[in-house]
């Protein structure tokens, strides 16, 4: 709710069917979600913790933990509002199981900071450690550690565009199957 004081607490979703996921409304709310945990028997068409399409405030990038579930689109930023204010902080995601259509660090909203992924036992059709919006690239380094997973297309960096100058993409993989592997760049430098 807009303009309401909320306690700091986690958001835990262990079941259900959700079309979309957004986390910030039109006006500031005091208090915040300290982390997000999704998994088990959850199906989310479009997971992207960010600003709703009619908002403009920034969304903090809280840690995301996944323990299973099914996601057509899975992003660490919002998917509906490219003009939302960008926040300077880091994003991190820990995955243990689950099925993902497309997974990427940033969707339409920008991450002004680093992105870190730790992935275990996941089935991913397309993975982009960086973002999918060339106009709003991730400004920091991108680190991915992935184990015992299957990935159709793996790209450690962005889907479109270039990496930010003097920033690195680092991938560590063990026991994985990649149908196609691009270390850092899929569509840029």
C-alpha atoms as a PDB file:
ATOM      1  CA  UNK A   1       0.000   0.000   0.000  1.00  0.00           C
ATOM      2  CA  UNK A   2       1.209   3.514  -0.811  1.00  0.00           C
ATOM      3  CA  UNK A   3       2.461   5.708   2.032  1.00  0.00           C
ATOM      4  CA  UNK A   4       2.251   3.023   4.708  1.00  0.00           C
ATOM      5  CA  UNK A   5       4.888   2.022   7.243  1.00  0.00           C
ATOM      6  CA  UNK A   6       5.789  -1.638   6.832  1.00  0.00           C
ATOM      7  CA  UNK A   7       8.044  -3.846   8.940  1.00  0.00           C
ATOM      8  CA  UNK A   8      11.238  -5.213   7.416  1.00  0.00           C
ATOM      9  CA  UNK A   9      10.619  -8.862   6.596  1.00  0.00           C
ATOM     10  CA  UNK A  10      11.291 -11.556   3.987  1.00  0.00           C
ATOM     11  CA  UNK A  11       8.885 -12.475   1.207  1.00  0.00           C
ATOM     12  CA  UNK A  12       8.505 -16.263   0.924  1.00  0.00           C
ATOM     13  CA  UNK A  13       6.461 -17.924  -1.851  1.00  0.00           C
ATOM     14  CA  UNK A  14       6.476 -21.737  -1.754  1.00  0.00           C
ATOM     15  CA  UNK A  15       3.462 -22.454  -3.936  1.00  0.00           C
ATOM     16  CA  UNK A  16       0.899 -20.912  -6.223  1.00  0.00           C
ATOM     17  CA  UNK A  17       0.521 -19.583  -9.745  1.00  0.00           C
ATOM     18  CA  UNK A  18       1.521 -15.973 -10.473  1.00  0.00           C
ATOM     19  CA  UNK A  19       1.368 -14.062 -13.759  1.00  0.00           C
ATOM     20  CA  UNK A  20       3.747 -11.301 -12.750  1.00  0.00           C
ATOM     21  CA  UNK A  21       5.828 -10.091  -9.855  1.00  0.00           C
ATOM     22  CA  UNK A  22       6.540  -6.413  -9.109  1.00  0.00           C
ATOM     23  CA  UNK A  23       7.694  -4.981  -5.814  1.00  0.00           C
ATOM     24  CA  UNK A  24       7.529  -1.169  -5.764  1.00  0.00           C
ATOM     25  CA  UNK A  25       4.493   1.049  -6.056  1.00  0.00           C
ATOM     26  CA  UNK A  26       4.056   4.720  -6.859  1.00  0.00           C
ATOM     27  CA  UNK A  27       5.200   6.286  -3.583  1.00  0.00           C
ATOM     28  CA  UNK A  28       7.817   5.407  -1.028  1.00  0.00           C
ATOM     29  CA  UNK A  29       7.030   2.875   1.687  1.00  0.00           C
ATOM     30  CA  UNK A  30       9.139   2.814   4.827  1.00  0.00           C
ATOM     31  CA  UNK A  31      10.501  -0.610   5.710  1.00  0.00           C
ATOM     32  CA  UNK A  32      11.402  -3.148   3.068  1.00  0.00           C
ATOM     33  CA  UNK A  33      11.598  -6.739   2.016  1.00  0.00           C
ATOM     34  CA  UNK A  34      14.979  -7.999   3.288  1.00  0.00           C
ATOM     35  CA  UNK A  35      15.135 -10.998   0.932  1.00  0.00           C
ATOM     36  CA  UNK A  36      12.930 -12.986  -1.428  1.00  0.00           C
ATOM     37  CA  UNK A  37      12.628 -16.779  -1.291  1.00  0.00           C
ATOM     38  CA  UNK A  38      10.648 -18.553  -4.009  1.00  0.00           C
ATOM     39  CA  UNK A  39      10.438 -22.216  -4.854  1.00  0.00           C
ATOM     40  CA  UNK A  40       8.887 -25.603  -4.248  1.00  0.00           C
ATOM     41  CA  UNK A  41       5.574 -25.735  -6.101  1.00  0.00           C
ATOM     42  CA  UNK A  42       5.496 -22.159  -7.434  1.00  0.00           C
ATOM     43  CA  UNK A  43       4.923 -21.146 -11.060  1.00  0.00           C
ATOM     44  CA  UNK A  44       5.688 -17.560 -12.030  1.00  0.00           C
ATOM     45  CA  UNK A  45       5.285 -16.394 -15.604  1.00  0.00           C
ATOM     46  CA  UNK A  46       7.392 -13.276 -15.120  1.00  0.00           C
ATOM     47  CA  UNK A  47       9.529 -12.817 -11.982  1.00  0.00           C
ATOM     48  CA  UNK A  48      11.137  -9.376 -11.861  1.00  0.00           C
ATOM     49  CA  UNK A  49      11.301  -7.538  -8.529  1.00  0.00           C
ATOM     50  CA  UNK A  50      11.008  -3.956  -9.669  1.00  0.00           C
ATOM     51  CA  UNK A  51       8.785  -0.944 -10.121  1.00  0.00           C
ATOM     52  CA  UNK A  52       5.218  -1.318 -11.349  1.00  0.00           C
ATOM     53  CA  UNK A  53       4.491   0.186 -14.780  1.00  0.00           C
ATOM     54  CA  UNK A  54       2.696   3.181 -13.248  1.00  0.00           C
ATOM     55  CA  UNK A  55       5.488   3.939 -10.730  1.00  0.00           C
ATOM     56  CA  UNK A  56       8.833   5.723 -10.827  1.00  0.00           C
ATOM     57  CA  UNK A  57      10.563   4.987  -7.507  1.00  0.00           C
ATOM     58  CA  UNK A  58      13.633   2.780  -7.273  1.00  0.00           C
ATOM     59  CA  UNK A  59      13.535  -0.781  -5.996  1.00  0.00           C
ATOM     60  CA  UNK A  60      16.324  -2.120  -3.749  1.00  0.00           C
ATOM     61  CA  UNK A  61      18.040  -5.228  -5.107  1.00  0.00           C
ATOM     62  CA  UNK A  62      17.564  -7.639  -2.214  1.00  0.00           C
ATOM     63  CA  UNK A  63      18.999 -11.183  -2.257  1.00  0.00           C
ATOM     64  CA  UNK A  64      16.841 -13.720  -4.103  1.00  0.00           C
ATOM     65  CA  UNK A  65      16.859 -17.401  -3.106  1.00  0.00           C
ATOM     66  CA  UNK A  66      15.259 -20.058  -5.322  1.00  0.00           C
ATOM     67  CA  UNK A  67      14.604 -23.644  -4.230  1.00  0.00           C
ATOM     68  CA  UNK A  68      12.742 -25.075  -7.200  1.00  0.00           C
ATOM     69  CA  UNK A  69       9.728 -23.883  -9.117  1.00  0.00           C
ATOM     70  CA  UNK A  70       8.992 -23.013 -12.728  1.00  0.00           C
ATOM     71  CA  UNK A  71       9.670 -19.567 -14.262  1.00  0.00           C
ATOM     72  CA  UNK A  72       9.127 -18.480 -17.873  1.00  0.00           C
ATOM     73  CA  UNK A  73      11.040 -15.231 -17.268  1.00  0.00           C
ATOM     74  CA  UNK A  74      13.314 -14.735 -14.253  1.00  0.00           C
ATOM     75  CA  UNK A  75      15.115 -11.413 -13.721  1.00  0.00           C
ATOM     76  CA  UNK A  76      16.762  -9.636 -10.794  1.00  0.00           C
ATOM     77  CA  UNK A  77      15.176  -6.289 -11.757  1.00  0.00           C
ATOM     78  CA  UNK A  78      11.786  -5.129 -12.929  1.00  0.00           C
ATOM     79  CA  UNK A  79      10.393  -5.979 -16.335  1.00  0.00           C
ATOM     80  CA  UNK A  80       7.732  -3.308 -16.751  1.00  0.00           C
ATOM     81  CA  UNK A  81       9.300   0.110 -16.237  1.00  0.00           C
ATOM     82  CA  UNK A  82      12.593   0.984 -17.946  1.00  0.00           C
ATOM     83  CA  UNK A  83      12.235   4.582 -16.715  1.00  0.00           C
ATOM     84  CA  UNK A  84      12.125   3.724 -13.012  1.00  0.00           C
ATOM     85  CA  UNK A  85      14.839   5.375 -10.934  1.00  0.00           C
ATOM     86  CA  UNK A  86      17.993   3.241 -10.754  1.00  0.00           C
ATOM     87  CA  UNK A  87      19.456   2.445  -7.355  1.00  0.00           C
ATOM     88  CA  UNK A  88      23.193   2.015  -6.700  1.00  0.00           C
ATOM     89  CA  UNK A  89      23.518  -1.397  -5.066  1.00  0.00           C
ATOM     90  CA  UNK A  90      24.394  -4.997  -5.909  1.00  0.00           C
ATOM     91  CA  UNK A  91      22.132  -7.892  -6.900  1.00  0.00           C
ATOM     92  CA  UNK A  92      22.609 -11.526  -5.901  1.00  0.00           C
ATOM     93  CA  UNK A  93      20.719 -14.725  -6.594  1.00  0.00           C
ATOM     94  CA  UNK A  94      21.110 -18.229  -5.182  1.00  0.00           C
ATOM     95  CA  UNK A  95      19.379 -21.030  -7.105  1.00  0.00           C
ATOM     96  CA  UNK A  96      19.044 -24.641  -5.965  1.00  0.00           C
ATOM     97  CA  UNK A  97      16.859 -26.415  -8.518  1.00  0.00           C
ATOM     98  CA  UNK A  98      14.077 -25.167 -10.715  1.00  0.00           C
ATOM     99  CA  UNK A  99      13.187 -24.745 -14.358  1.00  0.00           C
ATOM    100  CA  UNK A 100      13.753 -21.408 -16.116  1.00  0.00           C
ATOM    101  CA  UNK A 101      12.846 -20.223 -19.612  1.00  0.00           C
ATOM    102  CA  UNK A 102      14.985 -17.075 -19.702  1.00  0.00           C
ATOM    103  CA  UNK A 103      17.055 -15.988 -16.698  1.00  0.00           C
ATOM    104  CA  UNK A 104      18.987 -12.704 -16.707  1.00  0.00           C
ATOM    105  CA  UNK A 105      20.602 -10.303 -14.268  1.00  0.00           C
ATOM    106  CA  UNK A 106      18.653  -7.220 -15.321  1.00  0.00           C
ATOM    107  CA  UNK A 107      15.470  -6.879 -17.302  1.00  0.00           C
ATOM    108  CA  UNK A 108      14.243  -3.373 -18.203  1.00  0.00           C
ATOM    109  CA  UNK A 109      15.466  -1.691 -14.992  1.00  0.00           C
ATOM    110  CA  UNK A 110      19.165  -1.060 -14.506  1.00  0.00           C
ATOM    111  CA  UNK A 111      21.512  -2.412 -11.844  1.00  0.00           C
ATOM    112  CA  UNK A 112      24.122   0.182 -10.888  1.00  0.00           C
ATOM    113  CA  UNK A 113      26.435  -2.298  -9.209  1.00  0.00           C
ATOM    114  CA  UNK A 114      27.627  -5.898  -9.359  1.00  0.00           C
ATOM    115  CA  UNK A 115      25.639  -9.072 -10.053  1.00  0.00           C
ATOM    116  CA  UNK A 116      26.428 -12.430  -8.455  1.00  0.00           C
ATOM    117  CA  UNK A 117      24.812 -15.787  -9.300  1.00  0.00           C
ATOM    118  CA  UNK A 118      25.230 -19.153  -7.529  1.00  0.00           C
ATOM    119  CA  UNK A 119      23.316 -21.877  -9.367  1.00  0.00           C
ATOM    120  CA  UNK A 120      22.948 -25.569  -8.498  1.00  0.00           C
ATOM    121  CA  UNK A 121      20.912 -28.317 -10.225  1.00  0.00           C
ATOM    122  CA  UNK A 122      18.886 -26.018 -12.490  1.00  0.00           C
ATOM    123  CA  UNK A 123      17.392 -26.492 -15.950  1.00  0.00           C
ATOM    124  CA  UNK A 124      17.693 -23.210 -17.883  1.00  0.00           C
ATOM    125  CA  UNK A 125      16.743 -22.623 -21.523  1.00  0.00           C
ATOM    126  CA  UNK A 126      18.598 -19.281 -21.859  1.00  0.00           C
ATOM    127  CA  UNK A 127      20.849 -17.630 -19.275  1.00  0.00           C
ATOM    128  CA  UNK A 128      22.340 -14.124 -19.467  1.00  0.00           C
ATOM    129  CA  UNK A 129      24.397 -13.133 -16.425  1.00  0.00           C
ATOM    130  CA  UNK A 130      24.043  -9.514 -17.493  1.00  0.00           C
ATOM    131  CA  UNK A 131      20.993  -7.672 -18.679  1.00  0.00           C
ATOM    132  CA  UNK A 132      18.609  -7.803 -21.608  1.00  0.00           C
ATOM    133  CA  UNK A 133      18.195  -4.017 -22.063  1.00  0.00           C
ATOM    134  CA  UNK A 134      21.029  -2.450 -24.082  1.00  0.00           C
ATOM    135  CA  UNK A 135      19.977   1.052 -22.938  1.00  0.00           C
ATOM    136  CA  UNK A 136      20.339   0.136 -19.237  1.00  0.00           C
ATOM    137  CA  UNK A 137      23.475  -2.049 -18.882  1.00  0.00           C
ATOM    138  CA  UNK A 138      24.715  -3.439 -15.574  1.00  0.00           C
ATOM    139  CA  UNK A 139      27.497  -1.092 -14.454  1.00  0.00           C
ATOM    140  CA  UNK A 140      29.502  -3.548 -12.317  1.00  0.00           C
ATOM    141  CA  UNK A 141      31.103  -6.951 -12.616  1.00  0.00           C
ATOM    142  CA  UNK A 142      29.107 -10.110 -13.277  1.00  0.00           C
ATOM    143  CA  UNK A 143      30.058 -13.322 -11.456  1.00  0.00           C
ATOM    144  CA  UNK A 144      28.389 -16.682 -12.065  1.00  0.00           C
ATOM    145  CA  UNK A 145      29.119 -19.963 -10.300  1.00  0.00           C
ATOM    146  CA  UNK A 146      27.083 -22.819 -11.766  1.00  0.00           C
ATOM    147  CA  UNK A 147      27.092 -26.519 -10.841  1.00  0.00           C
ATOM    148  CA  UNK A 148      25.347 -29.686 -12.074  1.00  0.00           C
ATOM    149  CA  UNK A 149      22.964 -27.769 -14.322  1.00  0.00           C
ATOM    150  CA  UNK A 150      21.740 -27.922 -17.910  1.00  0.00           C
ATOM    151  CA  UNK A 151      21.685 -24.688 -19.921  1.00  0.00           C
ATOM    152  CA  UNK A 152      20.536 -24.433 -23.533  1.00  0.00           C
ATOM    153  CA  UNK A 153      22.248 -21.096 -24.207  1.00  0.00           C
ATOM    154  CA  UNK A 154      24.670 -19.650 -21.648  1.00  0.00           C
ATOM    155  CA  UNK A 155      26.073 -16.128 -21.872  1.00  0.00           C
ATOM    156  CA  UNK A 156      27.982 -14.782 -18.887  1.00  0.00           C
ATOM    157  CA  UNK A 157      27.423 -11.175 -19.967  1.00  0.00           C
ATOM    158  CA  UNK A 158      24.524  -9.196 -21.452  1.00  0.00           C
ATOM    159  CA  UNK A 159      22.059 -10.458 -24.039  1.00  0.00           C
ATOM    160  CA  UNK A 160      22.281  -7.206 -26.024  1.00  0.00           C
ATOM    161  CA  UNK A 161      24.934  -4.497 -26.085  1.00  0.00           C
ATOM    162  CA  UNK A 162      28.315  -4.179 -24.473  1.00  0.00           C
ATOM    163  CA  UNK A 163      29.725  -4.635 -21.005  1.00  0.00           C
ATOM    164  CA  UNK A 164      30.565  -1.513 -19.023  1.00  0.00           C
ATOM    165  CA  UNK A 165      34.197  -0.511 -19.691  1.00  0.00           C
ATOM    166  CA  UNK A 166      36.792  -2.006 -17.330  1.00  0.00           C
ATOM    167  CA  UNK A 167      34.297  -4.433 -15.737  1.00  0.00           C
ATOM    168  CA  UNK A 168      34.652  -8.215 -15.824  1.00  0.00           C
ATOM    169  CA  UNK A 169      32.549 -11.287 -16.410  1.00  0.00           C
ATOM    170  CA  UNK A 170      33.676 -14.359 -14.454  1.00  0.00           C
ATOM    171  CA  UNK A 171      32.119 -17.804 -14.811  1.00  0.00           C
ATOM    172  CA  UNK A 172      32.978 -20.936 -12.843  1.00  0.00           C
ATOM    173  CA  UNK A 173      31.208 -24.130 -13.940  1.00  0.00           C
ATOM    174  CA  UNK A 174      31.383 -27.779 -12.820  1.00  0.00           C
ATOM    175  CA  UNK A 175      29.328 -30.798 -13.882  1.00  0.00           C
ATOM    176  CA  UNK A 176      27.189 -28.757 -16.308  1.00  0.00           C
ATOM    177  CA  UNK A 177      25.902 -29.334 -19.831  1.00  0.00           C
ATOM    178  CA  UNK A 178      25.812 -26.289 -22.105  1.00  0.00           C
ATOM    179  CA  UNK A 179      24.280 -26.597 -25.580  1.00  0.00           C
ATOM    180  CA  UNK A 180      25.797 -23.231 -26.562  1.00  0.00           C
ATOM    181  CA  UNK A 181      28.286 -21.286 -24.422  1.00  0.00           C
ATOM    182  CA  UNK A 182      29.369 -17.651 -24.739  1.00  0.00           C
ATOM    183  CA  UNK A 183      31.786 -16.586 -22.016  1.00  0.00           C
ATOM    184  CA  UNK A 184      31.027 -12.882 -21.845  1.00  0.00           C
ATOM    185  CA  UNK A 185      29.349 -11.477 -24.925  1.00  0.00           C
ATOM    186  CA  UNK A 186      26.386 -12.682 -26.925  1.00  0.00           C
ATOM    187  CA  UNK A 187      25.432  -9.517 -28.748  1.00  0.00           C
ATOM    188  CA  UNK A 188      28.228  -7.064 -27.979  1.00  0.00           C
ATOM    189  CA  UNK A 189      31.814  -6.695 -26.770  1.00  0.00           C
END
